[in-house]
All heavy atoms as atom14 arrays in JSON, in Angstrom:
{
  "sequence": "QRELVATITRASRTNYADSVEGRFTISRDNAKNTVYLQLNSLNPEDT",
  "atom14_mask": [
    [1, 1, 1, 1, 1, 1, 1, 1, 1, 0, 0, 0, 0, 0],
    [1, 1, 1, 1, 1, 1, 1, 1, 1, 1, 1, 0, 0, 0],
    [1, 1, 1, 1, 1, 1, 1, 1, 1, 0, 0, 0, 0, 0],
    [1, 1, 1, 1, 1, 1, 1, 1, 0, 0, 0, 0, 0, 0],
    [1, 1, 1, 1, 1, 1, 1, 0, 0, 0, 0, 0, 0, 0],
    [1, 1, 1, 1, 1, 0, 0, 0, 0, 0, 0, 0, 0, 0],
    [1, 1, 1, 1, 1, 1, 1, 0, 0, 0, 0, 0, 0, 0],
    [1, 1, 1, 1, 1, 1, 1, 1, 0, 0, 0, 0, 0, 0],
    [1, 1, 1, 1, 1, 1, 1, 0, 0, 0, 0, 0, 0, 0],
    [1, 1, 1, 1, 1, 1, 1, 1, 1, 1, 1, 0, 0, 0],
    [1, 1, 1, 1, 1, 0, 0, 0, 0, 0, 0, 0, 0, 0],
    [1, 1, 1, 1, 1, 1, 0, 0, 0, 0, 0, 0, 0, 0],
    [1, 1, 1, 1, 1, 1, 1, 1, 1, 1, 1, 0, 0, 0],
    [1, 1, 1, 1, 1, 1, 1, 0, 0, 0, 0, 0, 0, 0],
    [1, 1, 1, 1, 1, 1, 1, 1, 0, 0, 0, 0, 0, 0],
    [1, 1, 1, 1, 1, 1, 1, 1, 1, 1, 1, 1, 0, 0],
    [1, 1, 1, 1, 1, 0, 0, 0, 0, 0, 0, 0, 0, 0],
    [1, 1, 1, 1, 1, 1, 1, 1, 0, 0, 0, 0, 0, 0],
    [1, 1, 1, 1, 1, 1, 0, 0, 0, 0, 0, 0, 0, 0],
    [1, 1, 1, 1, 1, 1, 1, 0, 0, 0, 0, 0, 0, 0],
    [1, 1, 1, 1, 1, 1, 1, 1, 1, 0, 0, 0, 0, 0],
    [1, 1, 1, 1, 0, 0, 0, 0, 0, 0, 0, 0, 0, 0],
    [1, 1, 1, 1, 1, 1, 1, 1, 1, 1, 1, 0, 0, 0],
    [1, 1, 1, 1, 1, 1, 1, 1, 1, 1, 1, 0, 0, 0],
    [1, 1, 1, 1, 1, 1, 1, 0, 0, 0, 0, 0, 0, 0],
    [1, 1, 1, 1, 1, 1, 1, 1, 0, 0, 0, 0, 0, 0],
    [1, 1, 1, 1, 1, 1, 0, 0, 0, 0, 0, 0, 0, 0],
    [1, 1, 1, 1, 1, 1, 1, 1, 1, 1, 1, 0, 0, 0],
    [1, 1, 1, 1, 1, 1, 1, 1, 0, 0, 0, 0, 0, 0],
    [1, 1, 1, 1, 1, 1, 1, 1, 0, 0, 0, 0, 0, 0],
    [1, 1, 1, 1, 1, 0, 0, 0, 0, 0, 0, 0, 0, 0],
    [1, 1, 1, 1, 1, 1, 1, 1, 1, 0, 0, 0, 0, 0],
    [1, 1, 1, 1, 1, 1, 1, 1, 0, 0, 0, 0, 0, 0],
    [1, 1, 1, 1, 1, 1, 1, 0, 0, 0, 0, 0, 0, 0],
    [1, 1, 1, 1, 1, 1, 1, 0, 0, 0, 0, 0, 0, 0],
    [1, 1, 1, 1, 1, 1, 1, 1, 1, 1, 1, 1, 0, 0],
    [1, 1, 1, 1, 1, 1, 1, 1, 0, 0, 0, 0, 0, 0],
    [1, 1, 1, 1, 1, 1, 1, 1, 1, 0, 0, 0, 0, 0],
    [1, 1, 1, 1, 1, 1, 1, 1, 0, 0, 0, 0, 0, 0],
    [1, 1, 1, 1, 1, 1, 1, 1, 0, 0, 0, 0, 0, 0],
    [1, 1, 1, 1, 1, 1, 0, 0, 0, 0, 0, 0, 0, 0],
    [1, 1, 1, 1, 1, 1, 1, 1, 0, 0, 0, 0, 0, 0],
    [1, 1, 1, 1, 1, 1, 1, 1, 0, 0, 0, 0, 0, 0],
    [1, 1, 1, 1, 1, 1, 1, 0, 0, 0, 0, 0, 0, 0],
    [1, 1, 1, 1, 1, 1, 1, 1, 1, 0, 0, 0, 0, 0],
    [1, 1, 1, 1, 1, 1, 1, 1, 0, 0, 0, 0, 0, 0],
    [1, 1, 1, 1, 1, 1, 1, 0, 0, 0, 0, 0, 0, 0]
  ],
  "atom14_positions": [
    [[-93.5, 164.04, 89.65], [-94.46, 164.96, 90.23], [-95.13, 164.34, 91.44], [-95.15, 163.12, 91.61], [-95.52, 165.34, 89.19], [-94.99, 166.09, 87.98], [-96.11, 166.53, 87.07], [-97.13, 167.07, 87.51], [-95.93, 166.32, 85.78], [0.0, 0.0, 0.0], [0.0, 0.0, 0.0], [0.0, 0.0, 0.0], [0.0, 0.0, 0.0], [0.0, 0.0, 0.0]],
    [[-95.68, 165.18, 92.27], [-96.44, 164.7, 93.39], [-97.68, 163.96, 92.88], [-98.37, 164.45, 91.98], [-96.84, 165.86, 94.3], [-97.51, 165.43, 95.6], [-97.76, 166.63, 96.51], [-96.52, 167.3, 96.88], [-96.45, 168.32, 97.72], [-97.55, 168.79, 98.3], [-95.28, 168.88, 97.98], [0.0, 0.0, 0.0], [0.0, 0.0, 0.0], [0.0, 0.0, 0.0]],
    [[-97.96, 162.8, 93.45], [-99.06, 161.99, 92.99], [-99.95, 161.57, 94.16], [-99.5, 161.44, 95.3], [-98.57, 160.75, 92.25], [-97.79, 159.77, 93.12], [-97.4, 158.51, 92.39], [-97.89, 158.27, 91.27], [-96.58, 157.74, 92.94], [0.0, 0.0, 0.0], [0.0, 0.0, 0.0], [0.0, 0.0, 0.0], [0.0, 0.0, 0.0], [0.0, 0.0, 0.0]],
    [[-101.19, 161.32, 93.83], [-102.14, 160.84, 94.82], [-101.81, 159.43, 95.24], [-101.5, 158.58, 94.41], [-103.56, 160.88, 94.23], [-104.65, 160.19, 95.04], [-104.98, 161.0, 96.29], [-105.9, 159.99, 94.19], [0.0, 0.0, 0.0], [0.0, 0.0, 0.0], [0.0, 0.0, 0.0], [0.0, 0.0, 0.0], [0.0, 0.0, 0.0], [0.0, 0.0, 0.0]],
    [[-101.86, 159.18, 96.53], [-101.72, 157.84, 97.06], [-103.08, 157.3, 97.5], [-103.51, 156.23, 97.07], [-100.73, 157.79, 98.25], [-100.68, 156.39, 98.86], [-99.34, 158.23, 97.79], [0.0, 0.0, 0.0], [0.0, 0.0, 0.0], [0.0, 0.0, 0.0], [0.0, 0.0, 0.0], [0.0, 0.0, 0.0], [0.0, 0.0, 0.0], [0.0, 0.0, 0.0]],
    [[-103.75, 158.04, 98.36], [-105.04, 157.61, 98.86], [-105.77, 158.8, 99.45], [-105.16, 159.74, 99.94], [-104.89, 156.51, 99.93], [0.0, 0.0, 0.0], [0.0, 0.0, 0.0], [0.0, 0.0, 0.0], [0.0, 0.0, 0.0], [0.0, 0.0, 0.0], [0.0, 0.0, 0.0], [0.0, 0.0, 0.0], [0.0, 0.0, 0.0], [0.0, 0.0, 0.0]],
    [[-107.08, 158.75, 99.39], [-107.91, 159.78, 100.0], [-108.99, 159.12, 100.84], [-109.34, 157.95, 100.63], [-108.58, 160.69, 98.96], [-109.42, 159.92, 98.1], [-107.54, 161.44, 98.15], [0.0, 0.0, 0.0], [0.0, 0.0, 0.0], [0.0, 0.0, 0.0], [0.0, 0.0, 0.0], [0.0, 0.0, 0.0], [0.0, 0.0, 0.0], [0.0, 0.0, 0.0]],
    [[-109.52, 159.89, 101.76], [-110.59, 159.39, 102.62], [-111.5, 160.56, 102.96], [-111.05, 161.64, 103.34], [-110.03, 158.7, 103.88], [-111.15, 158.1, 104.72], [-109.17, 159.66, 104.7], [-110.64, 157.14, 105.79], [0.0, 0.0, 0.0], [0.0, 0.0, 0.0], [0.0, 0.0, 0.0], [0.0, 0.0, 0.0], [0.0, 0.0, 0.0], [0.0, 0.0, 0.0]],
    [[-112.79, 160.34, 102.81], [-113.76, 161.38, 103.13], [-114.06, 161.39, 104.61], [-113.63, 160.52, 105.37], [-115.06, 161.18, 102.35], [-115.74, 160.02, 102.85], [-114.8, 161.01, 100.86], [0.0, 0.0, 0.0], [0.0, 0.0, 0.0], [0.0, 0.0, 0.0], [0.0, 0.0, 0.0], [0.0, 0.0, 0.0], [0.0, 0.0, 0.0], [0.0, 0.0, 0.0]],
    [[-114.83, 162.37, 105.02], [-115.22, 162.48, 106.41], [-116.02, 161.26, 106.86], [-115.96, 160.87, 108.02], [-116.04, 163.76, 106.62], [-116.37, 164.09, 108.06], [-116.8, 165.54, 108.19], [-117.78, 165.89, 107.18], [-118.09, 167.13, 106.84], [-117.48, 168.16, 107.44], [-118.99, 167.37, 105.91], [0.0, 0.0, 0.0], [0.0, 0.0, 0.0], [0.0, 0.0, 0.0]],
    [[-116.74, 160.66, 105.92], [-117.51, 159.45, 106.2], [-116.71, 158.18, 105.98], [-117.29, 157.09, 105.97], [-118.78, 159.43, 105.35], [0.0, 0.0, 0.0], [0.0, 0.0, 0.0], [0.0, 0.0, 0.0], [0.0, 0.0, 0.0], [0.0, 0.0, 0.0], [0.0, 0.0, 0.0], [0.0, 0.0, 0.0], [0.0, 0.0, 0.0], [0.0, 0.0, 0.0]],
    [[-115.41, 158.31, 105.77], [-114.48, 157.19, 105.64], [-114.64, 156.41, 104.34], [-114.29, 155.23, 104.28], [-114.59, 156.24, 106.84], [-114.14, 156.88, 108.03], [0.0, 0.0, 0.0], [0.0, 0.0, 0.0], [0.0, 0.0, 0.0], [0.0, 0.0, 0.0], [0.0, 0.0, 0.0], [0.0, 0.0, 0.0], [0.0, 0.0, 0.0], [0.0, 0.0, 0.0]],
    [[-115.11, 157.05, 103.31], [-115.04, 156.46, 101.98], [-113.63, 156.66, 101.45], [-113.08, 157.76, 101.52], [-116.06, 157.09, 101.04], [-117.5, 156.8, 101.42], [-118.46, 157.35, 100.39], [-119.84, 157.1, 100.76], [-120.51, 155.99, 100.45], [-119.92, 155.03, 99.76], [-121.77, 155.85, 100.84], [0.0, 0.0, 0.0], [0.0, 0.0, 0.0], [0.0, 0.0, 0.0]],
    [[-113.05, 155.62, 100.89], [-111.64, 155.65, 100.5], [-111.45, 155.5, 99.01], [-112.29, 154.94, 98.3], [-110.86, 154.55, 101.22], [-111.41, 153.27, 100.89], [-110.93, 154.74, 102.73], [0.0, 0.0, 0.0], [0.0, 0.0, 0.0], [0.0, 0.0, 0.0], [0.0, 0.0, 0.0], [0.0, 0.0, 0.0], [0.0, 0.0, 0.0], [0.0, 0.0, 0.0]],
    [[-110.32, 155.98, 98.56], [-109.91, 155.84, 97.18], [-108.4, 155.68, 97.15], [-107.69, 156.35, 97.89], [-110.33, 157.06, 96.36], [-110.03, 156.91, 94.89], [-110.48, 155.96, 94.26], [-109.26, 157.84, 94.33], [0.0, 0.0, 0.0], [0.0, 0.0, 0.0], [0.0, 0.0, 0.0], [0.0, 0.0, 0.0], [0.0, 0.0, 0.0], [0.0, 0.0, 0.0]],
    [[-107.92, 154.79, 96.28], [-106.5, 154.49, 96.23], [-105.97, 154.58, 94.81], [-106.67, 154.29, 93.84], [-106.22, 153.07, 96.73], [-106.56, 152.85, 98.18], [-107.81, 152.37, 98.55], [-105.63, 153.1, 99.18], [-108.13, 152.16, 99.87], [-105.94, 152.89, 100.51], [-107.2, 152.42, 100.85], [-107.51, 152.2, 102.17], [0.0, 0.0, 0.0], [0.0, 0.0, 0.0]],
    [[-104.72, 154.96, 94.71], [-104.03, 154.85, 93.44], [-103.88, 153.38, 93.09], [-103.71, 152.53, 93.97], [-102.67, 155.52, 93.51], [0.0, 0.0, 0.0], [0.0, 0.0, 0.0], [0.0, 0.0, 0.0], [0.0, 0.0, 0.0], [0.0, 0.0, 0.0], [0.0, 0.0, 0.0], [0.0, 0.0, 0.0], [0.0, 0.0, 0.0], [0.0, 0.0, 0.0]],
    [[-103.93, 153.07, 91.8], [-103.81, 151.68, 91.38], [-102.51, 151.04, 91.86], [-102.47, 149.84, 92.16], [-103.88, 151.59, 89.85], [-105.26, 151.89, 89.31], [-106.24, 151.86, 90.08], [-105.37, 152.17, 88.09], [0.0, 0.0, 0.0], [0.0, 0.0, 0.0], [0.0, 0.0, 0.0], [0.0, 0.0, 0.0], [0.0, 0.0, 0.0], [0.0, 0.0, 0.0]],
    [[-101.46, 151.83, 91.95], [-100.16, 151.3, 92.3], [-100.06, 150.84, 93.76], [-99.15, 150.09, 94.1], [-99.07, 152.33, 92.02], [-99.3, 153.51, 92.77], [0.0, 0.0, 0.0], [0.0, 0.0, 0.0], [0.0, 0.0, 0.0], [0.0, 0.0, 0.0], [0.0, 0.0, 0.0], [0.0, 0.0, 0.0], [0.0, 0.0, 0.0], [0.0, 0.0, 0.0]],
    [[-100.98, 151.3, 94.6], [-100.9, 150.96, 96.02], [-102.1, 150.17, 96.51], [-102.05, 149.62, 97.62], [-100.73, 152.22, 96.89], [-99.56, 153.05, 96.41], [-102.01, 153.05, 96.92], [0.0, 0.0, 0.0], [0.0, 0.0, 0.0], [0.0, 0.0, 0.0], [0.0, 0.0, 0.0], [0.0, 0.0, 0.0], [0.0, 0.0, 0.0], [0.0, 0.0, 0.0]],
    [[-103.14, 150.09, 95.73], [-104.35, 149.39, 96.18], [-104.02, 147.94, 96.49], [-103.37, 147.24, 95.72], [-105.45, 149.49, 95.13], [-106.77, 148.93, 95.62], [-107.96, 149.57, 94.93], [-107.78, 150.16, 93.85], [-109.08, 149.48, 95.47], [0.0, 0.0, 0.0], [0.0, 0.0, 0.0], [0.0, 0.0, 0.0], [0.0, 0.0, 0.0], [0.0, 0.0, 0.0]],
    [[-104.51, 147.49, 97.62], [-104.23, 146.15, 98.09], [-103.04, 146.06, 99.0], [-102.86, 145.05, 99.69], [0.0, 0.0, 0.0], [0.0, 0.0, 0.0], [0.0, 0.0, 0.0], [0.0, 0.0, 0.0], [0.0, 0.0, 0.0], [0.0, 0.0, 0.0], [0.0, 0.0, 0.0], [0.0, 0.0, 0.0], [0.0, 0.0, 0.0], [0.0, 0.0, 0.0]],
    [[-102.22, 147.09, 99.0], [-101.04, 147.12, 99.87], [-101.13, 148.18, 100.95], [-100.64, 147.98, 102.06], [-99.77, 147.35, 99.05], [-99.5, 146.27, 98.01], [-98.14, 146.46, 97.35], [-98.06, 147.72, 96.62], [-97.17, 148.67, 96.88], [-96.28, 148.52, 97.85], [-97.16, 149.78, 96.14], [0.0, 0.0, 0.0], [0.0, 0.0, 0.0], [0.0, 0.0, 0.0]],
    [[-101.73, 149.32, 100.62], [-101.84, 150.43, 101.56], [-103.28, 150.55, 102.04], [-104.22, 150.24, 101.31], [-101.43, 151.75, 100.91], [-99.99, 151.85, 100.52], [-99.11, 150.8, 100.67], [-99.5, 153.04, 99.98], [-97.78, 150.9, 100.3], [-98.18, 153.16, 99.62], [-97.31, 152.09, 99.77], [0.0, 0.0, 0.0], [0.0, 0.0, 0.0], [0.0, 0.0, 0.0]],
    [[-103.43, 151.05, 103.25], [-104.75, 151.28, 103.82], [-104.78, 152.65, 104.48], [-103.94, 152.95, 105.33], [-105.13, 150.21, 104.86], [-105.08, 148.91, 104.26], [-106.54, 150.46, 105.39], [0.0, 0.0, 0.0], [0.0, 0.0, 0.0], [0.0, 0.0, 0.0], [0.0, 0.0, 0.0], [0.0, 0.0, 0.0], [0.0, 0.0, 0.0], [0.0, 0.0, 0.0]],
    [[-105.74, 153.46, 104.09], [-105.92, 154.76, 104.69], [-107.09, 154.7, 105.67], [-108.08, 154.02, 105.43], [-106.14, 155.86, 103.63], [-106.12, 157.25, 104.26], [-107.43, 155.62, 102.86], [-106.12, 158.39, 103.24], [0.0, 0.0, 0.0], [0.0, 0.0, 0.0], [0.0, 0.0, 0.0], [0.0, 0.0, 0.0], [0.0, 0.0, 0.0], [0.0, 0.0, 0.0]],
    [[-106.95, 155.4, 106.78], [-108.01, 155.47, 107.77], [-107.93, 156.81, 108.47], [-106.95, 157.55, 108.32], [-107.91, 154.31, 108.77], [-106.67, 154.35, 109.47], [0.0, 0.0, 0.0], [0.0, 0.0, 0.0], [0.0, 0.0, 0.0], [0.0, 0.0, 0.0], [0.0, 0.0, 0.0], [0.0, 0.0, 0.0], [0.0, 0.0, 0.0], [0.0, 0.0, 0.0]],
    [[-108.96, 157.12, 109.24], [-108.95, 158.39, 109.96], [-109.7, 158.26, 111.26], [-110.57, 157.41, 111.43], [-109.56, 159.52, 109.11], [-111.03, 159.36, 108.8], [-111.5, 160.41, 107.78], [-111.61, 161.74, 108.37], [-111.83, 162.85, 107.66], [-111.94, 162.79, 106.33], [-111.93, 164.02, 108.27], [0.0, 0.0, 0.0], [0.0, 0.0, 0.0], [0.0, 0.0, 0.0]],
    [[-109.34, 159.12, 112.18], [-110.0, 159.22, 113.47], [-110.45, 160.67, 113.59], [-109.64, 161.55, 113.89], [-109.06, 158.82, 114.6], [-109.76, 158.77, 115.95], [-110.78, 159.46, 116.14], [-109.27, 158.04, 116.84], [0.0, 0.0, 0.0], [0.0, 0.0, 0.0], [0.0, 0.0, 0.0], [0.0, 0.0, 0.0], [0.0, 0.0, 0.0], [0.0, 0.0, 0.0]],
    [[-111.71, 160.9, 113.34], [-112.21, 162.27, 113.34], [-112.1, 162.94, 114.71], [-111.89, 164.14, 114.8], [-113.66, 162.3, 112.85], [-113.79, 161.95, 111.39], [-112.87, 162.15, 110.61], [-114.95, 161.43, 111.01], [0.0, 0.0, 0.0], [0.0, 0.0, 0.0], [0.0, 0.0, 0.0], [0.0, 0.0, 0.0], [0.0, 0.0, 0.0], [0.0, 0.0, 0.0]],
    [[-112.26, 162.16, 115.75], [-112.16, 162.71, 117.1], [-110.75, 163.21, 117.4], [-110.57, 164.12, 118.21], [-112.6, 161.68, 118.13], [0.0, 0.0, 0.0], [0.0, 0.0, 0.0], [0.0, 0.0, 0.0], [0.0, 0.0, 0.0], [0.0, 0.0, 0.0], [0.0, 0.0, 0.0], [0.0, 0.0, 0.0], [0.0, 0.0, 0.0], [0.0, 0.0, 0.0]],
    [[-109.76, 162.61, 116.75], [-108.37, 162.99, 116.97], [-107.81, 163.87, 115.86], [-106.63, 164.23, 115.9], [-107.5, 161.75, 117.12], [-107.82, 160.9, 118.34], [-106.89, 159.7, 118.42], [-107.17, 158.88, 119.66], [-106.27, 157.69, 119.75], [0.0, 0.0, 0.0], [0.0, 0.0, 0.0], [0.0, 0.0, 0.0], [0.0, 0.0, 0.0], [0.0, 0.0, 0.0]],
    [[-108.64, 164.18, 114.86], [-108.2, 164.97, 113.72], [-106.95, 164.37, 113.07], [-106.01, 165.09, 112.7], [-107.93, 166.42, 114.12], [-109.2, 167.18, 114.46], [-110.28, 166.83, 114.02], [-109.06, 168.23, 115.25], [0.0, 0.0, 0.0], [0.0, 0.0, 0.0], [0.0, 0.0, 0.0], [0.0, 0.0, 0.0], [0.0, 0.0, 0.0], [0.0, 0.0, 0.0]],
    [[-106.96, 163.07, 112.93], [-105.79, 162.34, 112.47], [-106.14, 161.4, 111.33], [-107.18, 160.75, 111.35], [-105.16, 161.55, 113.62], [-104.77, 162.45, 114.67], [-103.92, 160.79, 113.15], [0.0, 0.0, 0.0], [0.0, 0.0, 0.0], [0.0, 0.0, 0.0], [0.0, 0.0, 0.0], [0.0, 0.0, 0.0], [0.0, 0.0, 0.0], [0.0, 0.0, 0.0]],
    [[-105.25, 161.33, 110.35], [-105.36, 160.39, 109.26], [-104.13, 159.5, 109.28], [-103.03, 159.95, 109.61], [-105.53, 161.1, 107.9], [-104.31, 161.96, 107.57], [-105.8, 160.09, 106.79], [0.0, 0.0, 0.0], [0.0, 0.0, 0.0], [0.0, 0.0, 0.0], [0.0, 0.0, 0.0], [0.0, 0.0, 0.0], [0.0, 0.0, 0.0], [0.0, 0.0, 0.0]],
    [[-104.33, 158.23, 108.94], [-103.26, 157.26, 108.96], [-103.09, 156.63, 107.59], [-104.02, 156.58, 106.78], [-103.56, 156.14, 109.97], [-103.88, 156.61, 111.36], [-105.2, 156.84, 111.75], [-102.87, 156.83, 112.29], [-105.5, 157.27, 113.02], [-103.17, 157.27, 113.57], [-104.48, 157.49, 113.93], [-104.78, 157.91, 115.2], [0.0, 0.0, 0.0], [0.0, 0.0, 0.0]],
    [[-101.91, 156.12, 107.36], [-101.65, 155.33, 106.16], [-100.79, 154.14, 106.55], [-99.66, 154.32, 106.99], [-100.94, 156.16, 105.08], [-100.75, 155.46, 103.74], [-102.11, 155.26, 103.05], [-99.81, 156.24, 102.83], [0.0, 0.0, 0.0], [0.0, 0.0, 0.0], [0.0, 0.0, 0.0], [0.0, 0.0, 0.0], [0.0, 0.0, 0.0], [0.0, 0.0, 0.0]],
    [[-101.37, 152.96, 106.41], [-100.64, 151.73, 106.65], [-100.04, 151.27, 105.33], [-100.77, 151.04, 104.37], [-101.57, 150.66, 107.22], [-100.9, 149.32, 107.48], [-99.9, 149.36, 108.61], [-100.15, 149.97, 109.63], [-98.76, 148.7, 108.42], [0.0, 0.0, 0.0], [0.0, 0.0, 0.0], [0.0, 0.0, 0.0], [0.0, 0.0, 0.0], [0.0, 0.0, 0.0]],
    [[-98.74, 151.15, 105.29], [-98.03, 150.75, 104.09], [-97.46, 149.36, 104.29], [-96.58, 149.16, 105.12], [-96.89, 151.71, 103.75], [-97.21, 153.2, 103.52], [-97.32, 153.94, 104.85], [-96.13, 153.85, 102.67], [0.0, 0.0, 0.0], [0.0, 0.0, 0.0], [0.0, 0.0, 0.0], [0.0, 0.0, 0.0], [0.0, 0.0, 0.0], [0.0, 0.0, 0.0]],
    [[-97.96, 148.4, 103.54], [-97.5, 147.03, 103.6], [-96.86, 146.62, 102.28], [-97.1, 147.24, 101.24], [-98.65, 146.07, 103.94], [-99.23, 146.3, 105.31], [-98.53, 146.69, 106.24], [-100.52, 146.03, 105.45], [0.0, 0.0, 0.0], [0.0, 0.0, 0.0], [0.0, 0.0, 0.0], [0.0, 0.0, 0.0], [0.0, 0.0, 0.0], [0.0, 0.0, 0.0]],
    [[-96.09, 145.56, 102.33], [-95.46, 145.01, 101.13], [-94.76, 146.09, 100.33], [-94.93, 146.21, 99.11], [-96.51, 144.29, 100.26], [-97.13, 143.26, 100.98], [0.0, 0.0, 0.0], [0.0, 0.0, 0.0], [0.0, 0.0, 0.0], [0.0, 0.0, 0.0], [0.0, 0.0, 0.0], [0.0, 0.0, 0.0], [0.0, 0.0, 0.0], [0.0, 0.0, 0.0]],
    [[-93.96, 146.85, 101.01], [-93.31, 148.0, 100.38], [-92.3, 147.58, 99.33], [-91.58, 146.58, 99.49], [-92.63, 148.86, 101.44], [-93.6, 149.72, 102.27], [-92.92, 150.21, 103.54], [-94.09, 150.9, 101.43], [0.0, 0.0, 0.0], [0.0, 0.0, 0.0], [0.0, 0.0, 0.0], [0.0, 0.0, 0.0], [0.0, 0.0, 0.0], [0.0, 0.0, 0.0]],
    [[-92.26, 148.34, 98.27], [-91.31, 148.15, 97.18], [-90.38, 149.36, 97.1], [-90.73, 150.45, 97.57], [-92.04, 148.01, 95.84], [-93.02, 146.86, 95.83], [-92.71, 145.76, 96.28], [-94.21, 147.1, 95.29], [0.0, 0.0, 0.0], [0.0, 0.0, 0.0], [0.0, 0.0, 0.0], [0.0, 0.0, 0.0], [0.0, 0.0, 0.0], [0.0, 0.0, 0.0]],
    [[-89.21, 149.19, 96.5], [-88.35, 150.36, 96.29], [-89.05, 151.48, 95.53], [-88.73, 152.65, 95.74], [-87.18, 149.78, 95.48], [-87.11, 148.36, 95.9], [-88.54, 147.94, 96.11], [0.0, 0.0, 0.0], [0.0, 0.0, 0.0], [0.0, 0.0, 0.0], [0.0, 0.0, 0.0], [0.0, 0.0, 0.0], [0.0, 0.0, 0.0], [0.0, 0.0, 0.0]],
    [[-90.0, 151.13, 94.68], [-90.76, 152.13, 93.93], [-91.63, 153.0, 94.82], [-92.13, 154.04, 94.38], [-91.61, 151.46, 92.86], [-90.82, 150.79, 91.73], [-90.18, 149.48, 92.16], [-90.69, 148.84, 93.11], [-89.17, 149.09, 91.55], [0.0, 0.0, 0.0], [0.0, 0.0, 0.0], [0.0, 0.0, 0.0], [0.0, 0.0, 0.0], [0.0, 0.0, 0.0]],
    [[-91.84, 152.57, 96.05], [-92.63, 153.36, 97.0], [-91.8, 154.44, 97.67], [-92.34, 155.25, 98.42], [-93.24, 152.46, 98.06], [-94.23, 151.46, 97.5], [-95.06, 151.87, 96.65], [-94.18, 150.29, 97.9], [0.0, 0.0, 0.0], [0.0, 0.0, 0.0], [0.0, 0.0, 0.0], [0.0, 0.0, 0.0], [0.0, 0.0, 0.0], [0.0, 0.0, 0.0]],
    [[-90.51, 154.44, 97.44], [-89.64, 155.44, 98.03], [-90.06, 156.83, 97.57], [-90.14, 157.11, 96.38], [-88.18, 155.18, 97.66], [-87.75, 153.95, 98.24], [-87.28, 156.31, 98.18], [0.0, 0.0, 0.0], [0.0, 0.0, 0.0], [0.0, 0.0, 0.0], [0.0, 0.0, 0.0], [0.0, 0.0, 0.0], [0.0, 0.0, 0.0], [0.0, 0.0, 0.0]]
  ]
}
C-alpha cells in the first residue's frame, strides 16, 4: 500500500517514517511552491 515517507508543514515542521528517518530529508520553499526530498543511503527496499 501507499505509505507515508515524510511530511512538512507550512512552518517547516517535519515528520518522517521510521524506515527513512536519518536517511531522508524533506524541505520546502514556500516562495517557489516546491517541496523536496533528499534521499541518502538508499536501499533496495526504498524502491
